[in-house]
Amino acid sequence: MNILVCIKQVPYVRDVRLDPETHTLVRDGVESIINPFDMYAIEEGLRLKESCGGKVTVMSMGPPQVEEALRDALSLGVDDAVLLSDRAFAGADTLATSYTLAMGAKKIGNFDLILCGKQTVDGDTGQVGPGLAVRLDIPFVAYVRKISSVADGKMRVERIMDDGYEVVDTDLPALLTLVKEINEPRVPSLKNKMRAKKQSITVWNAADIGADTRKLGLAGSATQVTGVFKPERESKLEWLEGSVEEQTDALVEHLRALKVIG
């Protein structure tokens, strides 16, 4: 089974800052990591490889620094890594991103399954995985918590619903977006860490994947972020004194004044 895992390099959550002038995320000098939800996709790809055979390839779109994230994936046991990097890709929304990844996937070719995290912690839309499946014209299942079986070109999975879970059968090739309940990501071995440092990473630009530049980056984006702001929060502390009964009565009056209770 040939498995393609799409990952994204994102800022470490505790270091996320906004530029007060441009209202965009500050990435310079900020630690970057593999999107946490994508770690579950990598792990599940490796588990499928171990049980079914085949290989696991990771692919990401971004600037040259994304190579660090790809090497982190290689250190976990992934076989190959592909970086889609071109200035033309900059500023892409989910529409343009899914197009770029689809062109990369087509160039890689011969995949049986594509795995993605359910969403990224920076964009938080959950749109790229399904959008990629549509671009490739393959079935997809979102919010998968378990892969039950793989046989004869078909796969059975469980997807999380609001009131439980749903069992879904799908033909392969297919695309799945995974939730954190599906597994526990492994830690890299020393052997794989050494291999990851030396292994070459394939880098493709827009021309290499045969992309239409009108569908890339800002030019190919149907949406643009015109402003981002941090909501201002006000807090007020007030001590309640007296007996427990008096404090309770005072609290109830406060909640009624705020119309929290009737």
C-alpha atoms as a PDB file:
ATOM      1  CA  MET A   1       0.000   0.000   0.000  1.00  0.00           C
ATOM      2  CA  ASN A   2       1.405   3.396  -1.033  1.00  0.00           C
ATOM      3  CA  ILE A   3       0.369   6.036   1.502  1.00  0.00           C
ATOM      4  CA  LEU A   4       0.725   9.789   1.062  1.00  0.00           C
ATOM      5  CA  VAL A   5       0.564  11.943   4.192  1.00  0.00           C
ATOM      6  CA  CYS A   6       0.074  15.696   3.820  1.00  0.00           C
ATOM      7  CA  ILE A   7       1.564  17.768   6.633  1.00  0.00           C
ATOM      8  CA  LYS A   8       2.019  21.443   7.446  1.00  0.00           C
ATOM      9  CA  GLN A   9       4.640  23.273   9.452  1.00  0.00           C
ATOM     10  CA  VAL A  10       2.973  25.640  11.947  1.00  0.00           C
ATOM     11  CA  PRO A  11       4.169  28.006  14.699  1.00  0.00           C
ATOM     12  CA  TYR A  12       4.411  26.463  18.162  1.00  0.00           C
ATOM     13  CA  VAL A  13       1.119  27.435  19.801  1.00  0.00           C
ATOM     14  CA  ARG A  14       2.606  29.149  22.854  1.00  0.00           C
ATOM     15  CA  ASP A  15       4.768  31.348  20.588  1.00  0.00           C
ATOM     16  CA  VAL A  16       1.985  32.584  18.294  1.00  0.00           C
ATOM     17  CA  ARG A  17       2.146  36.376  17.929  1.00  0.00           C
ATOM     18  CA  LEU A  18       0.491  38.885  15.632  1.00  0.00           C
ATOM     19  CA  ASP A  19       2.358  41.669  13.859  1.00  0.00           C
ATOM     20  CA  PRO A  20       0.602  44.899  14.973  1.00  0.00           C
ATOM     21  CA  GLU A  21       1.269  46.531  11.590  1.00  0.00           C
ATOM     22  CA  THR A  22       0.449  43.754   9.100  1.00  0.00           C
ATOM     23  CA  HIS A  23      -1.959  41.794  11.351  1.00  0.00           C
ATOM     24  CA  THR A  24      -0.356  38.535  10.169  1.00  0.00           C
ATOM     25  CA  LEU A  25       1.335  35.775  12.139  1.00  0.00           C
ATOM     26  CA  VAL A  26       4.937  36.473  13.123  1.00  0.00           C
ATOM     27  CA  ARG A  27       7.016  33.520  11.930  1.00  0.00           C
ATOM     28  CA  ASP A  28      10.571  34.911  12.156  1.00  0.00           C
ATOM     29  CA  GLY A  29      12.274  33.748  15.320  1.00  0.00           C
ATOM     30  CA  VAL A  30       9.289  31.588  16.261  1.00  0.00           C
ATOM     31  CA  GLU A  31       9.722  27.861  16.818  1.00  0.00           C
ATOM     32  CA  SER A  32       7.913  25.795  14.182  1.00  0.00           C
ATOM     33  CA  ILE A  33       6.608  22.253  14.494  1.00  0.00           C
ATOM     34  CA  ILE A  34       4.615  19.714  12.516  1.00  0.00           C
ATOM     35  CA  ASN A  35       0.923  20.509  12.892  1.00  0.00           C
ATOM     36  CA  PRO A  36      -0.109  18.363  15.906  1.00  0.00           C
ATOM     37  CA  PHE A  37      -3.062  16.728  14.135  1.00  0.00           C
ATOM     38  CA  ASP A  38      -0.760  15.736  11.258  1.00  0.00           C
ATOM     39  CA  MET A  39       1.311  13.680  13.691  1.00  0.00           C
ATOM     40  CA  TYR A  40      -1.615  11.276  14.021  1.00  0.00           C
ATOM     41  CA  ALA A  41      -1.766  10.992  10.218  1.00  0.00           C
ATOM     42  CA  ILE A  42       1.951  10.134  10.075  1.00  0.00           C
ATOM     43  CA  GLU A  43       1.561   7.532  12.822  1.00  0.00           C
ATOM     44  CA  GLU A  44      -1.435   5.900  11.164  1.00  0.00           C
ATOM     45  CA  GLY A  45       0.398   5.778   7.853  1.00  0.00           C
ATOM     46  CA  LEU A  46       3.312   4.000   9.512  1.00  0.00           C
ATOM     47  CA  ARG A  47       0.992   1.521  11.230  1.00  0.00           C
ATOM     48  CA  LEU A  48      -0.708   0.699   7.929  1.00  0.00           C
ATOM     49  CA  LYS A  49       2.680   0.205   6.309  1.00  0.00           C
ATOM     50  CA  GLU A  50       3.677  -2.186   9.098  1.00  0.00           C
ATOM     51  CA  SER A  51       0.475  -4.212   8.756  1.00  0.00           C
ATOM     52  CA  CYS A  52      -0.095  -4.069   4.983  1.00  0.00           C
ATOM     53  CA  GLY A  53       3.344  -3.379   3.531  1.00  0.00           C
ATOM     54  CA  GLY A  54       4.198  -0.623   1.069  1.00  0.00           C
ATOM     55  CA  LYS A  55       5.686   2.825   1.741  1.00  0.00           C
ATOM     56  CA  VAL A  56       4.827   6.152   3.322  1.00  0.00           C
ATOM     57  CA  THR A  57       5.582   9.495   1.663  1.00  0.00           C
ATOM     58  CA  VAL A  58       5.068  12.874   3.319  1.00  0.00           C
ATOM     59  CA  MET A  59       4.351  16.018   1.319  1.00  0.00           C
ATOM     60  CA  SER A  60       4.176  19.642   2.397  1.00  0.00           C
ATOM     61  CA  MET A  61       3.868  23.056   0.789  1.00  0.00           C
ATOM     62  CA  GLY A  62       5.846  26.045   2.021  1.00  0.00           C
ATOM     63  CA  PRO A  63       9.181  27.880   2.108  1.00  0.00           C
ATOM     64  CA  PRO A  64      12.541  26.065   2.293  1.00  0.00           C
ATOM     65  CA  GLN A  65      12.430  26.000   6.126  1.00  0.00           C
ATOM     66  CA  VAL A  66       9.618  23.411   5.919  1.00  0.00           C
ATOM     67  CA  GLU A  67      12.377  20.910   5.165  1.00  0.00           C
ATOM     68  CA  GLU A  68      12.882  20.766   8.957  1.00  0.00           C
ATOM     69  CA  ALA A  69       9.360  19.417   9.432  1.00  0.00           C
ATOM     70  CA  LEU A  70       9.848  16.886   6.665  1.00  0.00           C
ATOM     71  CA  ARG A  71      13.046  15.618   8.286  1.00  0.00           C
ATOM     72  CA  ASP A  72      11.181  15.285  11.566  1.00  0.00           C
ATOM     73  CA  ALA A  73       8.675  13.086   9.716  1.00  0.00           C
ATOM     74  CA  LEU A  74      11.500  11.023   8.191  1.00  0.00           C
ATOM     75  CA  SER A  75      12.943  10.491  11.666  1.00  0.00           C
ATOM     76  CA  LEU A  76       9.698   8.739  12.641  1.00  0.00           C
ATOM     77  CA  GLY A  77      10.175   6.119   9.916  1.00  0.00           C
ATOM     78  CA  VAL A  78       8.611   7.736   6.848  1.00  0.00           C
ATOM     79  CA  ASP A  79      10.221   6.543   3.593  1.00  0.00           C
ATOM     80  CA  ASP A  80      10.262   9.645   1.362  1.00  0.00           C
ATOM     81  CA  ALA A  81       9.562  13.370   1.599  1.00  0.00           C
ATOM     82  CA  VAL A  82       8.441  15.944  -0.982  1.00  0.00           C
ATOM     83  CA  LEU A  83       8.492  19.722  -0.532  1.00  0.00           C
ATOM     84  CA  LEU A  84       6.431  21.958  -2.804  1.00  0.00           C
ATOM     85  CA  SER A  85       8.205  25.300  -2.639  1.00  0.00           C
ATOM     86  CA  ASP A  86       7.842  28.333  -4.882  1.00  0.00           C
ATOM     87  CA  ARG A  87       7.233  32.036  -4.289  1.00  0.00           C
ATOM     88  CA  ALA A  88       4.129  31.626  -6.432  1.00  0.00           C
ATOM     89  CA  PHE A  89       2.577  29.515  -3.651  1.00  0.00           C
ATOM     90  CA  ALA A  90       2.754  32.354  -1.088  1.00  0.00           C
ATOM     91  CA  GLY A  91      -0.490  33.737   0.322  1.00  0.00           C
ATOM     92  CA  ALA A  92      -2.570  30.727  -0.683  1.00  0.00           C
ATOM     93  CA  ASP A  93      -5.946  30.185   0.937  1.00  0.00           C
ATOM     94  CA  THR A  94      -7.418  26.690   1.323  1.00  0.00           C
ATOM     95  CA  LEU A  95      -8.637  26.680  -2.288  1.00  0.00           C
ATOM     96  CA  ALA A  96      -5.203  27.441  -3.749  1.00  0.00           C
ATOM     97  CA  THR A  97      -3.479  25.189  -1.213  1.00  0.00           C
ATOM     98  CA  SER A  98      -5.634  22.189  -2.108  1.00  0.00           C
ATOM     99  CA  TYR A  99      -4.928  22.817  -5.815  1.00  0.00           C
ATOM    100  CA  THR A 100      -1.159  22.918  -5.231  1.00  0.00           C
ATOM    101  CA  LEU A 101      -1.208  19.762  -3.108  1.00  0.00           C
ATOM    102  CA  ALA A 102      -3.373  18.001  -5.700  1.00  0.00           C
ATOM    103  CA  MET A 103      -0.865  18.786  -8.446  1.00  0.00           C
ATOM    104  CA  GLY A 104       1.915  17.485  -6.209  1.00  0.00           C
ATOM    105  CA  ALA A 105      -0.038  14.302  -5.465  1.00  0.00           C
ATOM    106  CA  LYS A 106      -0.658  13.734  -9.178  1.00  0.00           C
ATOM    107  CA  LYS A 107       3.066  14.058  -9.886  1.00  0.00           C
ATOM    108  CA  ILE A 108       3.888  11.577  -7.117  1.00  0.00           C
ATOM    109  CA  GLY A 109       1.165   9.274  -8.483  1.00  0.00           C
ATOM    110  CA  ASN A 110       0.459   5.644  -7.631  1.00  0.00           C
ATOM    111  CA  PHE A 111      -1.023   6.306  -4.170  1.00  0.00           C
ATOM    112  CA  ASP A 112      -3.641   4.096  -2.525  1.00  0.00           C
ATOM    113  CA  LEU A 113      -4.459   6.360   0.396  1.00  0.00           C
ATOM    114  CA  ILE A 114      -3.971   9.990   1.437  1.00  0.00           C
ATOM    115  CA  LEU A 115      -3.988  10.867   5.137  1.00  0.00           C
ATOM    116  CA  CYS A 116      -4.358  14.332   6.654  1.00  0.00           C
ATOM    117  CA  GLY A 117      -4.901  15.725  10.123  1.00  0.00           C
ATOM    118  CA  LYS A 118      -8.455  16.943  10.679  1.00  0.00           C
ATOM    119  CA  GLN A 119      -7.286  20.586  10.682  1.00  0.00           C
ATOM    120  CA  THR A 120      -4.306  22.823  11.340  1.00  0.00           C
ATOM    121  CA  VAL A 121      -3.847  24.784  14.550  1.00  0.00           C
ATOM    122  CA  ASP A 122      -3.110  28.041  12.696  1.00  0.00           C
ATOM    123  CA  GLY A 123      -5.774  28.132   9.964  1.00  0.00           C
ATOM    124  CA  ASP A 124      -8.204  25.895  11.860  1.00  0.00           C
ATOM    125  CA  THR A 125     -10.563  25.484   8.871  1.00  0.00           C
ATOM    126  CA  GLY A 126     -10.464  21.739   8.218  1.00  0.00           C
ATOM    127  CA  GLN A 127     -10.989  22.477   4.512  1.00  0.00           C
ATOM    128  CA  VAL A 128      -7.748  21.411   2.832  1.00  0.00           C
ATOM    129  CA  GLY A 129      -8.194  17.639   3.230  1.00  0.00           C
ATOM    130  CA  PRO A 130     -11.707  17.494   1.723  1.00  0.00           C
ATOM    131  CA  GLY A 131     -10.698  20.069  -0.897  1.00  0.00           C
ATOM    132  CA  LEU A 132      -7.751  17.918  -1.934  1.00  0.00           C
ATOM    133  CA  ALA A 133     -10.020  14.878  -2.303  1.00  0.00           C
ATOM    134  CA  VAL A 134     -12.385  16.847  -4.526  1.00  0.00           C
ATOM    135  CA  ARG A 135      -9.475  18.054  -6.666  1.00  0.00           C
ATOM    136  CA  LEU A 136      -8.301  14.455  -7.113  1.00  0.00           C
ATOM    137  CA  ASP A 137     -11.847  13.139  -7.590  1.00  0.00           C
ATOM    138  CA  ILE A 138     -11.459  10.443  -4.935  1.00  0.00           C
ATOM    139  CA  PRO A 139     -13.763   9.567  -1.998  1.00  0.00           C
ATOM    140  CA  PHE A 140     -12.977  11.000   1.427  1.00  0.00           C
ATOM    141  CA  VAL A 141     -14.063  10.430   5.006  1.00  0.00           C
ATOM    142  CA  ALA A 142     -13.589  13.132   7.647  1.00  0.00           C
ATOM    143  CA  TYR A 143     -12.982  12.817  11.407  1.00  0.00           C
ATOM    144  CA  VAL A 144     -11.836   9.206  11.270  1.00  0.00           C
ATOM    145  CA  ARG A 145     -11.112   7.681  14.678  1.00  0.00           C
ATOM    146  CA  LYS A 146     -10.329   4.103  13.586  1.00  0.00           C
ATOM    147  CA  ILE A 147      -9.354   2.139  10.484  1.00  0.00           C
ATOM    148  CA  SER A 148     -11.061  -1.224  10.987  1.00  0.00           C
ATOM    149  CA  SER A 149      -9.993  -3.148   7.897  1.00  0.00           C
ATOM    150  CA  VAL A 150      -8.220  -2.880   4.548  1.00  0.00           C
ATOM    151  CA  ALA A 151      -8.763  -5.553   1.900  1.00  0.00           C
ATOM    152  CA  ASP A 152      -9.429  -6.004  -1.818  1.00  0.00           C
ATOM    153  CA  GLY A 153      -9.205  -2.320  -2.672  1.00  0.00           C
ATOM    154  CA  LYS A 154     -11.649  -1.303   0.058  1.00  0.00           C
ATOM    155  CA  MET A 155     -11.388   0.161   3.528  1.00  0.00           C
ATOM    156  CA  ARG A 156     -13.727   0.252   6.521  1.00  0.00           C
ATOM    157  CA  VAL A 157     -13.375   3.116   8.988  1.00  0.00           C
ATOM    158  CA  GLU A 158     -15.154   4.660  11.949  1.00  0.00           C
ATOM    159  CA  ARG A 159     -15.812   8.389  11.933  1.00  0.00           C
ATOM    160  CA  ILE A 160     -16.740  10.455  14.974  1.00  0.00           C
ATOM    161  CA  MET A 161     -20.228  11.963  15.041  1.00  0.00           C
ATOM    162  CA  ASP A 162     -21.831  14.294  17.580  1.00  0.00           C
ATOM    163  CA  ASP A 163     -23.800  11.432  19.106  1.00  0.00           C
ATOM    164  CA  GLY A 164     -21.412   8.498  18.650  1.00  0.00           C
ATOM    165  CA  TYR A 165     -19.667   7.127  15.591  1.00  0.00           C
ATOM    166  CA  GLU A 166     -20.493   5.969  12.069  1.00  0.00           C
ATOM    167  CA  VAL A 167     -19.041   2.977  10.193  1.00  0.00           C
ATOM    168  CA  VAL A 168     -18.106   3.863   6.616  1.00  0.00           C
ATOM    169  CA  ASP A 169     -16.946   1.613   3.766  1.00  0.00           C
ATOM    170  CA  THR A 170     -14.967   3.291   0.988  1.00  0.00           C
ATOM    171  CA  ASP A 171     -13.158   2.264  -2.166  1.00  0.00           C
ATOM    172  CA  LEU A 172      -9.464   2.987  -2.554  1.00  0.00           C
ATOM    173  CA  PRO A 173      -7.773   5.252  -3.397  1.00  0.00           C
ATOM    174  CA  ALA A 174      -9.373   7.531  -0.831  1.00  0.00           C
ATOM    175  CA  LEU A 175      -8.535  10.400   1.500  1.00  0.00           C
ATOM    176  CA  LEU A 176      -9.082  10.378   5.263  1.00  0.00           C
ATOM    177  CA  THR A 177      -8.802  13.201   7.781  1.00  0.00           C
ATOM    178  CA  LEU A 178      -7.951  11.872  11.229  1.00  0.00           C
ATOM    179  CA  VAL A 179      -8.741  12.866  14.807  1.00  0.00           C
ATOM    180  CA  LYS A 180      -6.411  12.446  17.777  1.00  0.00           C
ATOM    181  CA  GLU A 181      -8.393   9.499  19.164  1.00  0.00           C
ATOM    182  CA  ILE A 182      -7.063   7.244  16.398  1.00  0.00           C
ATOM    183  CA  ASN A 183      -3.608   6.528  17.895  1.00  0.00           C
ATOM    184  CA  GLU A 184      -0.666   7.686  19.978  1.00  0.00           C
ATOM    185  CA  PRO A 185       2.213   9.046  17.849  1.00  0.00           C
ATOM    186  CA  ARG A 186       5.573   7.339  18.331  1.00  0.00           C
ATOM    187  CA  VAL A 187       8.883   8.971  19.156  1.00  0.00           C
ATOM    188  CA  PRO A 188      11.752   8.842  16.640  1.00  0.00           C
ATOM    189  CA  SER A 189      14.429   6.196  16.961  1.00  0.00           C
ATOM    190  CA  LEU A 190      18.128   7.064  16.902  1.00  0.00           C
ATOM    191  CA  LYS A 191      18.555   5.025  13.712  1.00  0.00           C
ATOM    192  CA  ASN A 192      15.811   6.945  11.905  1.00  0.00           C
ATOM    193  CA  LYS A 193      17.119  10.267  13.205  1.00  0.00           C
ATOM    194  CA  MET A 194      20.498   9.543  11.639  1.00  0.00           C
ATOM    195  CA  ARG A 195      18.881   8.462   8.395  1.00  0.00           C
ATOM    196  CA  ALA A 196      16.695  11.597   8.300  1.00  0.00           C
ATOM    197  CA  LYS A 197      19.731  13.879   8.538  1.00  0.00           C
ATOM    198  CA  LYS A 198      21.323  12.340   5.451  1.00  0.00           C
ATOM    199  CA  GLN A 199      18.292  11.576   3.296  1.00  0.00           C
ATOM    200  CA  SER A 200      17.615  13.801   0.311  1.00  0.00           C
ATOM    201  CA  ILE A 201      14.269  15.583   0.063  1.00  0.00           C
ATOM    202  CA  THR A 202      12.583  16.089  -3.290  1.00  0.00           C
ATOM    203  CA  VAL A 203      11.792  19.763  -3.945  1.00  0.00           C
ATOM    204  CA  TRP A 204       9.352  20.772  -6.693  1.00  0.00           C
ATOM    205  CA  ASN A 205       8.343  24.245  -7.846  1.00  0.00           C
ATOM    206  CA  ALA A 206       5.248  25.307  -9.763  1.00  0.00           C
ATOM    207  CA  ALA A 207       6.717  24.317 -13.128  1.00  0.00           C
ATOM    208  CA  ASP A 208       7.805  20.904 -11.839  1.00  0.00           C
ATOM    209  CA  ILE A 209       4.237  19.959 -10.897  1.00  0.00           C
ATOM    210  CA  GLY A 210       2.710  21.488 -14.026  1.00  0.00           C
ATOM    211  CA  ALA A 211       0.617  23.977 -12.072  1.00  0.00           C
ATOM    212  CA  ASP A 212      -1.427  26.792 -13.594  1.00  0.00           C
ATOM    213  CA  THR A 213       0.043  29.913 -11.949  1.00  0.00           C
ATOM    214  CA  ARG A 214      -3.389  31.572 -12.081  1.00  0.00           C
ATOM    215  CA  LYS A 215      -4.561  29.019  -9.493  1.00  0.00           C
ATOM    216  CA  LEU A 216      -1.644  29.456  -7.095  1.00  0.00           C
ATOM    217  CA  GLY A 217      -1.000  31.679  -4.113  1.00  0.00           C
ATOM    218  CA  LEU A 218      -2.855  34.965  -3.825  1.00  0.00           C
ATOM    219  CA  ALA A 219      -3.819  34.885  -7.507  1.00  0.00           C
ATOM    220  CA  GLY A 220      -5.635  31.585  -7.068  1.00  0.00           C
ATOM    221  CA  SER A 221      -7.223  32.395  -3.721  1.00  0.00           C
ATOM    222  CA  ALA A 222     -10.953  33.073  -3.516  1.00  0.00           C
ATOM    223  CA  THR A 223     -10.541  34.616  -0.050  1.00  0.00           C
ATOM    224  CA  GLN A 224      -8.056  36.984   1.523  1.00  0.00           C
ATOM    225  CA  VAL A 225      -7.438  37.916   5.135  1.00  0.00           C
ATOM    226  CA  THR A 226      -7.788  41.700   5.268  1.00  0.00           C
ATOM    227  CA  GLY A 227      -7.388  42.027   9.002  1.00  0.00           C
ATOM    228  CA  VAL A 228      -6.685  40.045  12.138  1.00  0.00           C
ATOM    229  CA  PHE A 229      -7.011  41.361  15.663  1.00  0.00           C
ATOM    230  CA  LYS A 230      -6.691  40.148  19.199  1.00  0.00           C
ATOM    231  CA  PRO A 231      -9.940  40.708  21.128  1.00  0.00           C
ATOM    232  CA  GLU A 232      -9.563  42.943  24.134  1.00  0.00           C
ATOM    233  CA  ARG A 233     -10.569  41.326  27.401  1.00  0.00           C
ATOM    234  CA  GLU A 234     -11.594  43.145  30.540  1.00  0.00           C
ATOM    235  CA  SER A 235     -11.548  41.500  33.923  1.00  0.00           C
ATOM    236  CA  LYS A 236     -12.799  42.696  37.260  1.00  0.00           C
ATOM    237  CA  LEU A 237     -12.297  41.090  40.644  1.00  0.00           C
ATOM    238  CA  GLU A 238     -14.713  41.601  43.479  1.00  0.00           C
ATOM    239  CA  TRP A 239     -14.516  39.876  46.845  1.00  0.00           C
ATOM    240  CA  LEU A 240     -17.679  38.603  48.471  1.00  0.00           C
ATOM    241  CA  GLU A 241     -17.683  38.828  52.247  1.00  0.00           C
ATOM    242  CA  GLY A 242     -19.870  37.536  55.025  1.00  0.00           C
ATOM    243  CA  SER A 243     -21.183  34.107  55.854  1.00  0.00           C
ATOM    244  CA  VAL A 244     -21.548  31.398  53.238  1.00  0.00           C
ATOM    245  CA  GLU A 245     -25.258  32.185  52.966  1.00  0.00           C
ATOM    246  CA  GLU A 246     -24.568  35.921  52.544  1.00  0.00           C
ATOM    247  CA  GLN A 247     -21.915  35.301  49.907  1.00  0.00           C
ATOM    248  CA  THR A 248     -24.280  32.946  48.058  1.00  0.00           C
ATOM    249  CA  ASP A 249     -27.082  35.523  48.067  1.00  0.00           C
ATOM    250  CA  ALA A 250     -24.693  38.230  46.843  1.00  0.00           C
ATOM    251  CA  LEU A 251     -23.417  35.953  44.042  1.00  0.00           C
ATOM    252  CA  VAL A 252     -26.959  35.181  42.922  1.00  0.00           C
ATOM    253  CA  GLU A 253     -27.756  38.895  42.772  1.00  0.00           C
ATOM    254  CA  HIS A 254     -24.647  39.531  40.674  1.00  0.00           C
ATOM    255  CA  LEU A 255     -25.598  36.756  38.223  1.00  0.00           C
ATOM    256  CA  ARG A 256     -29.141  38.121  37.970  1.00  0.00           C
ATOM    257  CA  ALA A 257     -27.775  41.594  37.262  1.00  0.00           C
ATOM    258  CA  LEU A 258     -25.667  40.116  34.464  1.00  0.00           C
ATOM    259  CA  LYS A 259     -28.748  38.205  33.236  1.00  0.00           C
ATOM    260  CA  VAL A 260     -26.874  34.931  33.565  1.00  0.00           C
ATOM    261  CA  ILE A 261     -29.758  33.547  35.588  1.00  0.00           C
ATOM    262  CA  GLY A 262     -33.393  34.590  35.904  1.00  0.00           C
END
